[in-house]
C-alpha cells in the first residue's frame, strides 16, 4: 500500500470532512512528487548506502540514486581512490546490473562451516549436502 493511500485511509477513519479533503490534497501531492526507488535484478529495493555486488562480483556501496539520466534510473557508486586505475571517480550502473546477494565463494562456504562447527547444534545432512553442491558448482565454474 502506498503512503498516500494510507493517508487517505487514516483520514477517512479519524477526520472530519474538512480534514479528509485537506489530507486528500496532500496525498495527491505525494503521488505526483514521489518516485519509487529502483530495484536490483532480484527485485529488492535499492537505497543509498546499501551494499550491493555488480555483475563482476565486486562489492559496492550505493552513494545515491540518480534520476538525472532521461529515461533511465542510475545508481551511483564511488570507486575507492586506493584501487589502482580508479582515481576516486564515480561510477553509475543500471539497477538491473546489481544484486544485494553476495556471490558465492569458497571463503564464504568456509565461514559458514566455521559457524556450524562453533555452534552447539550439529549441521544436518541437508546443510552439508548443500555446501558440497555449492563447492562443486564453484569448482565447475573455475574449469
N, C-alpha and C. Protein backbone atom coordinates (compact mmCIF):
# COMPACT_ATOMS: atom_id res chain seq x y z
N UNK A 1 0.85 -1.18 0.00
CA UNK A 1 0.00 0.00 0.00
C UNK A 1 0.89 1.24 0.00
N UNK A 2 0.58 2.22 -0.83
CA UNK A 2 1.36 3.45 -0.93
C UNK A 2 1.09 4.34 0.28
N UNK A 3 2.03 5.21 0.58
CA UNK A 3 1.89 6.15 1.69
C UNK A 3 0.65 7.00 1.50
N UNK A 4 0.42 7.46 0.28
CA UNK A 4 -0.74 8.33 0.02
C UNK A 4 -2.05 7.59 0.30
N UNK A 5 -2.10 6.31 -0.03
CA UNK A 5 -3.32 5.53 0.25
C UNK A 5 -3.52 5.35 1.75
N UNK A 6 -2.43 5.14 2.48
CA UNK A 6 -2.53 5.02 3.94
C UNK A 6 -3.04 6.33 4.55
N UNK A 7 -2.57 7.44 4.00
CA UNK A 7 -3.00 8.75 4.49
C UNK A 7 -4.50 8.96 4.24
N UNK A 8 -4.94 8.61 3.05
CA UNK A 8 -6.37 8.73 2.73
C UNK A 8 -7.22 7.84 3.65
N UNK A 9 -6.76 6.60 3.86
CA UNK A 9 -7.50 5.65 4.71
C UNK A 9 -7.57 6.17 6.15
N UNK A 10 -6.45 6.68 6.66
CA UNK A 10 -6.42 7.21 8.02
C UNK A 10 -7.38 8.38 8.15
N UNK A 11 -7.37 9.27 7.14
CA UNK A 11 -8.24 10.45 7.16
C UNK A 11 -9.72 10.03 7.16
N UNK A 12 -10.06 9.02 6.38
CA UNK A 12 -11.45 8.54 6.33
C UNK A 12 -11.93 8.05 7.69
N UNK A 13 -11.03 7.44 8.45
CA UNK A 13 -11.41 6.87 9.74
C UNK A 13 -11.37 7.89 10.87
N UNK A 14 -10.38 8.79 10.87
CA UNK A 14 -10.12 9.64 12.02
C UNK A 14 -10.47 11.13 11.86
N UNK A 15 -10.87 11.56 10.69
CA UNK A 15 -11.04 13.00 10.46
C UNK A 15 -12.47 13.36 10.06
N UNK A 16 -12.74 14.65 10.21
CA UNK A 16 -13.99 15.20 9.69
C UNK A 16 -13.83 15.49 8.21
N UNK A 17 -14.89 15.98 7.59
CA UNK A 17 -14.90 16.21 6.15
C UNK A 17 -13.79 17.16 5.68
N UNK A 18 -13.57 18.25 6.43
CA UNK A 18 -12.54 19.23 6.04
C UNK A 18 -11.15 18.61 6.10
N UNK A 19 -10.90 17.84 7.13
CA UNK A 19 -9.61 17.17 7.30
C UNK A 19 -9.39 16.15 6.18
N UNK A 20 -10.43 15.38 5.85
CA UNK A 20 -10.34 14.39 4.78
C UNK A 20 -9.97 15.08 3.47
N UNK A 21 -10.59 16.22 3.20
CA UNK A 21 -10.31 16.95 1.96
C UNK A 21 -8.87 17.44 1.93
N UNK A 22 -8.41 18.04 3.05
CA UNK A 22 -7.05 18.56 3.13
C UNK A 22 -6.02 17.43 2.97
N UNK A 23 -6.21 16.36 3.71
CA UNK A 23 -5.26 15.24 3.61
C UNK A 23 -5.33 14.57 2.25
N UNK A 24 -6.48 14.59 1.61
CA UNK A 24 -6.60 14.07 0.25
C UNK A 24 -5.76 14.87 -0.73
N UNK A 25 -5.76 16.20 -0.58
CA UNK A 25 -4.92 17.07 -1.42
C UNK A 25 -3.45 16.76 -1.18
N UNK A 26 -3.09 16.58 0.08
CA UNK A 26 -1.71 16.24 0.43
C UNK A 26 -1.33 14.87 -0.16
N UNK A 27 -2.22 13.90 -0.08
CA UNK A 27 -1.97 12.57 -0.63
C UNK A 27 -1.78 12.65 -2.15
N UNK A 28 -2.58 13.49 -2.82
CA UNK A 28 -2.43 13.66 -4.27
C UNK A 28 -1.06 14.24 -4.60
N UNK A 29 -0.60 15.19 -3.77
CA UNK A 29 0.72 15.78 -3.99
C UNK A 29 1.82 14.72 -3.80
N UNK A 30 1.66 13.89 -2.81
CA UNK A 30 2.63 12.80 -2.60
C UNK A 30 2.70 11.92 -3.84
N UNK A 31 1.55 11.57 -4.41
CA UNK A 31 1.53 10.75 -5.62
C UNK A 31 2.24 11.42 -6.78
N UNK A 32 2.11 12.73 -6.91
CA UNK A 32 2.72 13.46 -8.03
C UNK A 32 4.22 13.62 -7.86
N UNK A 33 4.68 13.85 -6.63
CA UNK A 33 6.06 14.26 -6.42
C UNK A 33 7.02 13.16 -5.98
N UNK A 34 6.50 12.06 -5.48
CA UNK A 34 7.39 10.99 -5.02
C UNK A 34 7.63 9.99 -6.14
N UNK A 35 8.81 9.42 -6.14
CA UNK A 35 9.13 8.39 -7.12
C UNK A 35 9.47 7.10 -6.39
N UNK A 36 9.25 6.02 -7.06
CA UNK A 36 9.57 4.71 -6.49
C UNK A 36 11.07 4.46 -6.65
N UNK A 37 11.68 3.94 -5.60
CA UNK A 37 13.10 3.61 -5.68
C UNK A 37 13.31 2.43 -6.62
N UNK A 38 14.47 2.40 -7.30
CA UNK A 38 14.74 1.29 -8.22
C UNK A 38 14.96 -0.02 -7.47
N UNK A 39 14.86 -1.11 -8.20
CA UNK A 39 15.06 -2.45 -7.64
C UNK A 39 16.23 -3.13 -8.34
N UNK A 40 16.93 -3.97 -7.59
CA UNK A 40 18.05 -4.70 -8.18
C UNK A 40 17.52 -5.83 -9.06
N UNK A 41 18.41 -6.62 -9.61
CA UNK A 41 17.97 -7.68 -10.54
C UNK A 41 17.13 -8.75 -9.88
N UNK A 42 17.12 -8.79 -8.54
CA UNK A 42 16.29 -9.75 -7.81
C UNK A 42 15.00 -9.12 -7.30
N UNK A 43 14.78 -7.84 -7.62
CA UNK A 43 13.55 -7.18 -7.21
C UNK A 43 13.62 -6.51 -5.84
N UNK A 44 14.81 -6.43 -5.24
CA UNK A 44 14.98 -5.81 -3.93
C UNK A 44 15.20 -4.30 -4.12
N UNK A 45 14.51 -3.48 -3.31
CA UNK A 45 14.64 -2.03 -3.41
C UNK A 45 16.08 -1.61 -3.07
N UNK A 46 16.62 -0.69 -3.87
CA UNK A 46 17.98 -0.18 -3.67
C UNK A 46 17.88 1.19 -3.01
N UNK A 47 18.57 1.32 -1.87
CA UNK A 47 18.57 2.57 -1.11
C UNK A 47 20.01 3.08 -0.98
N UNK A 48 20.19 4.39 -0.80
CA UNK A 48 21.54 4.90 -0.55
C UNK A 48 22.18 4.18 0.63
N UNK A 49 23.46 3.94 0.51
CA UNK A 49 24.31 3.27 1.50
C UNK A 49 24.12 1.76 1.56
N UNK A 50 23.28 1.20 0.69
CA UNK A 50 23.17 -0.26 0.59
C UNK A 50 24.48 -0.82 0.07
N UNK A 51 24.79 -2.03 0.46
CA UNK A 51 25.91 -2.76 -0.12
C UNK A 51 25.34 -3.69 -1.17
N UNK A 52 25.90 -3.62 -2.37
CA UNK A 52 25.45 -4.46 -3.48
C UNK A 52 26.67 -5.01 -4.20
N UNK A 53 26.44 -5.99 -5.08
CA UNK A 53 27.51 -6.57 -5.88
C UNK A 53 27.17 -6.39 -7.35
N UNK A 54 28.17 -6.01 -8.15
CA UNK A 54 27.93 -5.81 -9.58
C UNK A 54 28.07 -7.14 -10.33
N UNK A 55 27.95 -7.09 -11.65
CA UNK A 55 27.99 -8.31 -12.47
C UNK A 55 29.32 -9.03 -12.37
N UNK A 56 30.39 -8.32 -12.00
CA UNK A 56 31.71 -8.94 -11.85
C UNK A 56 31.95 -9.46 -10.43
N UNK A 57 30.93 -9.34 -9.57
CA UNK A 57 31.07 -9.81 -8.20
C UNK A 57 31.78 -8.81 -7.31
N UNK A 58 31.98 -7.57 -7.80
CA UNK A 58 32.66 -6.56 -6.98
C UNK A 58 31.67 -5.92 -6.02
N UNK A 59 32.08 -5.83 -4.77
CA UNK A 59 31.25 -5.25 -3.71
C UNK A 59 31.28 -3.73 -3.86
N UNK A 60 30.09 -3.10 -3.78
CA UNK A 60 30.00 -1.65 -3.93
C UNK A 60 29.01 -1.09 -2.92
N UNK A 61 29.22 0.17 -2.55
CA UNK A 61 28.27 0.87 -1.68
C UNK A 61 27.55 1.92 -2.52
N UNK A 62 26.24 1.94 -2.43
CA UNK A 62 25.44 2.91 -3.17
C UNK A 62 25.60 4.27 -2.50
N UNK A 63 26.04 5.26 -3.26
CA UNK A 63 26.14 6.62 -2.72
C UNK A 63 24.80 7.33 -2.83
N UNK A 64 24.20 7.25 -4.02
CA UNK A 64 22.88 7.84 -4.22
C UNK A 64 22.24 7.27 -5.46
N UNK A 65 20.95 7.48 -5.57
CA UNK A 65 20.18 7.06 -6.73
C UNK A 65 19.99 8.30 -7.59
N UNK A 66 20.34 8.22 -8.85
CA UNK A 66 20.25 9.36 -9.75
C UNK A 66 19.05 9.24 -10.67
N UNK A 67 18.29 10.31 -10.77
CA UNK A 67 17.16 10.36 -11.69
C UNK A 67 17.45 11.36 -12.80
N UNK A 68 18.70 11.74 -12.95
CA UNK A 68 19.09 12.77 -13.89
C UNK A 68 19.23 12.27 -15.32
N UNK A 69 19.42 11.00 -15.52
CA UNK A 69 19.58 10.45 -16.86
C UNK A 69 18.19 10.26 -17.45
N UNK A 70 17.84 10.98 -18.51
CA UNK A 70 16.49 10.85 -19.07
C UNK A 70 16.16 9.41 -19.46
N UNK A 71 15.02 8.93 -18.98
CA UNK A 71 14.56 7.60 -19.34
C UNK A 71 15.28 6.47 -18.63
N UNK A 72 16.16 6.79 -17.69
CA UNK A 72 16.90 5.72 -17.02
C UNK A 72 17.26 6.13 -15.60
N UNK A 73 17.07 5.24 -14.69
CA UNK A 73 17.49 5.47 -13.31
C UNK A 73 18.88 4.88 -13.16
N UNK A 74 19.76 5.60 -12.53
CA UNK A 74 21.10 5.09 -12.31
C UNK A 74 21.40 4.99 -10.83
N UNK A 75 22.33 4.13 -10.49
CA UNK A 75 22.79 4.02 -9.12
C UNK A 75 24.24 4.44 -9.16
N UNK A 76 24.64 5.37 -8.32
CA UNK A 76 25.98 5.92 -8.39
C UNK A 76 26.82 5.38 -7.24
N UNK A 77 28.01 4.92 -7.60
CA UNK A 77 28.96 4.36 -6.65
C UNK A 77 30.24 5.16 -6.72
N UNK A 78 30.98 5.14 -5.65
CA UNK A 78 32.30 5.74 -5.67
C UNK A 78 33.32 4.62 -5.78
N UNK A 79 34.21 4.74 -6.74
CA UNK A 79 35.31 3.80 -6.82
C UNK A 79 36.33 4.24 -5.78
N UNK A 80 36.84 3.31 -5.01
CA UNK A 80 37.77 3.67 -3.95
C UNK A 80 39.07 4.24 -4.54
N UNK A 81 39.52 5.41 -4.02
CA UNK A 81 40.74 6.02 -4.56
C UNK A 81 41.96 5.11 -4.44
N UNK A 82 41.99 4.23 -3.45
CA UNK A 82 43.15 3.35 -3.27
C UNK A 82 43.22 2.22 -4.28
N UNK A 83 42.18 2.05 -5.05
CA UNK A 83 42.13 0.96 -6.02
C UNK A 83 42.84 1.41 -7.31
N UNK A 84 43.79 0.65 -7.81
CA UNK A 84 44.55 1.07 -8.99
C UNK A 84 43.64 1.41 -10.18
N UNK A 85 43.94 2.55 -10.79
CA UNK A 85 43.23 2.92 -12.01
C UNK A 85 41.87 3.56 -11.81
N UNK A 86 41.45 3.79 -10.57
CA UNK A 86 40.12 4.35 -10.37
C UNK A 86 40.14 5.84 -10.07
N UNK A 87 41.15 6.31 -9.36
CA UNK A 87 41.26 7.72 -9.06
C UNK A 87 40.11 8.31 -8.28
N UNK A 88 39.31 7.53 -7.61
CA UNK A 88 38.22 8.03 -6.80
C UNK A 88 37.04 8.53 -7.60
N UNK A 89 36.93 8.15 -8.85
CA UNK A 89 35.83 8.62 -9.70
C UNK A 89 34.51 7.96 -9.32
N UNK A 90 33.43 8.56 -9.79
CA UNK A 90 32.10 8.00 -9.57
C UNK A 90 31.73 7.11 -10.75
N UNK A 91 31.01 6.04 -10.47
CA UNK A 91 30.57 5.11 -11.49
C UNK A 91 29.06 4.93 -11.36
N UNK A 92 28.34 5.00 -12.48
CA UNK A 92 26.89 4.78 -12.45
C UNK A 92 26.57 3.46 -13.14
N UNK A 93 25.70 2.70 -12.53
CA UNK A 93 25.26 1.43 -13.10
C UNK A 93 23.74 1.40 -13.16
N UNK A 94 23.22 0.59 -14.04
CA UNK A 94 21.79 0.37 -14.12
C UNK A 94 21.39 -0.53 -12.95
N UNK A 95 20.23 -0.30 -12.33
CA UNK A 95 19.82 -1.13 -11.19
C UNK A 95 19.78 -2.63 -11.51
N UNK A 96 19.46 -2.98 -12.73
CA UNK A 96 19.37 -4.40 -13.09
C UNK A 96 20.74 -5.06 -13.17
N UNK A 97 21.81 -4.27 -13.03
CA UNK A 97 23.17 -4.81 -13.10
C UNK A 97 23.75 -5.16 -11.74
N UNK A 98 22.96 -4.96 -10.66
CA UNK A 98 23.48 -5.24 -9.32
C UNK A 98 22.51 -6.12 -8.54
N UNK A 99 23.03 -6.70 -7.46
CA UNK A 99 22.23 -7.53 -6.57
C UNK A 99 22.67 -7.29 -5.12
N UNK A 100 21.75 -7.48 -4.19
CA UNK A 100 22.09 -7.39 -2.77
C UNK A 100 22.69 -8.70 -2.25
N UNK A 101 22.65 -9.74 -3.05
CA UNK A 101 23.13 -11.06 -2.64
C UNK A 101 24.60 -11.21 -3.00
N UNK A 102 25.41 -11.45 -1.98
CA UNK A 102 26.85 -11.64 -2.21
C UNK A 102 27.08 -12.88 -3.06
N UNK A 103 28.03 -12.82 -3.98
CA UNK A 103 28.32 -14.01 -4.79
C UNK A 103 28.90 -15.12 -3.91
N UNK A 104 28.63 -16.33 -4.30
CA UNK A 104 29.15 -17.46 -3.53
C UNK A 104 30.65 -17.57 -3.76
N UNK A 105 31.36 -18.04 -2.74
CA UNK A 105 32.80 -18.23 -2.85
C UNK A 105 33.21 -19.32 -1.88
N UNK A 106 34.40 -19.85 -2.11
CA UNK A 106 34.92 -20.87 -1.20
C UNK A 106 35.13 -20.27 0.19
N UNK A 107 35.55 -19.01 0.24
CA UNK A 107 35.72 -18.34 1.53
C UNK A 107 34.41 -18.21 2.29
N UNK A 108 33.35 -17.89 1.56
CA UNK A 108 32.03 -17.76 2.20
C UNK A 108 31.56 -19.11 2.73
N UNK A 109 31.78 -20.16 1.96
CA UNK A 109 31.39 -21.51 2.40
C UNK A 109 32.21 -21.90 3.64
N UNK A 110 33.50 -21.57 3.64
CA UNK A 110 34.35 -21.88 4.78
C UNK A 110 33.85 -21.17 6.04
N UNK A 111 33.42 -19.90 5.89
CA UNK A 111 32.87 -19.16 7.04
C UNK A 111 31.62 -19.84 7.58
N UNK A 112 30.76 -20.31 6.68
CA UNK A 112 29.53 -21.00 7.12
C UNK A 112 29.88 -22.29 7.85
N UNK A 113 30.89 -23.00 7.37
CA UNK A 113 31.33 -24.23 8.05
C UNK A 113 31.87 -23.90 9.45
N UNK A 114 32.64 -22.80 9.56
CA UNK A 114 33.15 -22.38 10.87
C UNK A 114 32.01 -22.12 11.84
N UNK A 115 30.96 -21.45 11.38
CA UNK A 115 29.81 -21.15 12.24
C UNK A 115 29.15 -22.45 12.68
N UNK A 116 29.02 -23.42 11.76
CA UNK A 116 28.42 -24.71 12.11
C UNK A 116 29.24 -25.44 13.16
N UNK A 117 30.56 -25.38 13.00
CA UNK A 117 31.45 -26.07 13.94
C UNK A 117 31.39 -25.43 15.32
N UNK A 118 31.34 -24.08 15.36
CA UNK A 118 31.35 -23.36 16.63
C UNK A 118 30.00 -23.40 17.35
N UNK A 119 28.93 -23.64 16.63
CA UNK A 119 27.61 -23.64 17.27
C UNK A 119 27.39 -24.94 18.02
N UNK A 120 26.50 -24.89 18.98
CA UNK A 120 26.18 -26.08 19.77
C UNK A 120 25.40 -27.09 18.96
N UNK A 121 24.68 -26.62 17.93
CA UNK A 121 23.88 -27.52 17.09
C UNK A 121 24.77 -28.15 16.03
N UNK A 122 24.46 -29.37 15.70
CA UNK A 122 25.19 -30.03 14.63
C UNK A 122 24.49 -29.78 13.31
N UNK A 123 25.28 -29.68 12.24
CA UNK A 123 24.70 -29.49 10.91
C UNK A 123 23.99 -30.77 10.50
N UNK A 124 22.87 -30.63 9.83
CA UNK A 124 22.19 -31.82 9.36
C UNK A 124 22.71 -32.19 7.96
N UNK A 125 22.32 -33.36 7.50
CA UNK A 125 22.80 -33.86 6.21
C UNK A 125 22.44 -32.92 5.05
N UNK A 126 21.26 -32.31 5.11
CA UNK A 126 20.83 -31.42 4.03
C UNK A 126 21.74 -30.19 3.95
N UNK A 127 22.13 -29.63 5.10
CA UNK A 127 23.02 -28.46 5.10
C UNK A 127 24.38 -28.83 4.52
N UNK A 128 24.90 -29.98 4.93
CA UNK A 128 26.21 -30.41 4.43
C UNK A 128 26.15 -30.74 2.94
N UNK A 129 25.07 -31.33 2.49
CA UNK A 129 24.91 -31.63 1.06
C UNK A 129 24.84 -30.33 0.25
N UNK A 130 24.16 -29.32 0.80
CA UNK A 130 24.08 -28.02 0.13
C UNK A 130 25.46 -27.39 -0.01
N UNK A 131 26.25 -27.43 1.05
CA UNK A 131 27.61 -26.89 0.98
C UNK A 131 28.45 -27.64 -0.05
N UNK A 132 28.33 -28.96 -0.08
CA UNK A 132 29.08 -29.76 -1.06
C UNK A 132 28.67 -29.39 -2.48
N UNK A 133 27.38 -29.20 -2.72
CA UNK A 133 26.89 -28.82 -4.06
C UNK A 133 27.43 -27.44 -4.47
N UNK A 134 27.47 -26.51 -3.52
CA UNK A 134 27.99 -25.18 -3.82
C UNK A 134 29.48 -25.23 -4.15
N UNK A 135 30.23 -26.08 -3.44
CA UNK A 135 31.66 -26.23 -3.73
C UNK A 135 31.85 -26.82 -5.12
N UNK A 136 31.07 -27.84 -5.46
CA UNK A 136 31.16 -28.45 -6.80
C UNK A 136 30.83 -27.43 -7.89
N UNK A 137 29.81 -26.61 -7.65
CA UNK A 137 29.41 -25.60 -8.64
C UNK A 137 30.55 -24.59 -8.85
N UNK A 138 31.14 -24.13 -7.75
CA UNK A 138 32.26 -23.18 -7.87
C UNK A 138 33.44 -23.82 -8.60
N UNK A 139 33.74 -25.08 -8.29
CA UNK A 139 34.84 -25.78 -8.95
C UNK A 139 34.58 -25.92 -10.44
N UNK A 140 33.35 -26.21 -10.81
CA UNK A 140 32.99 -26.35 -12.22
C UNK A 140 33.15 -25.01 -12.97
N UNK A 141 32.77 -23.90 -12.31
CA UNK A 141 32.91 -22.58 -12.91
C UNK A 141 34.36 -22.21 -13.16
N UNK A 142 35.26 -22.72 -12.32
CA UNK A 142 36.69 -22.41 -12.46
C UNK A 142 37.35 -23.19 -13.58
N UNK A 143 36.71 -24.28 -14.02
CA UNK A 143 37.31 -25.12 -15.08
C UNK A 143 37.31 -24.44 -16.42
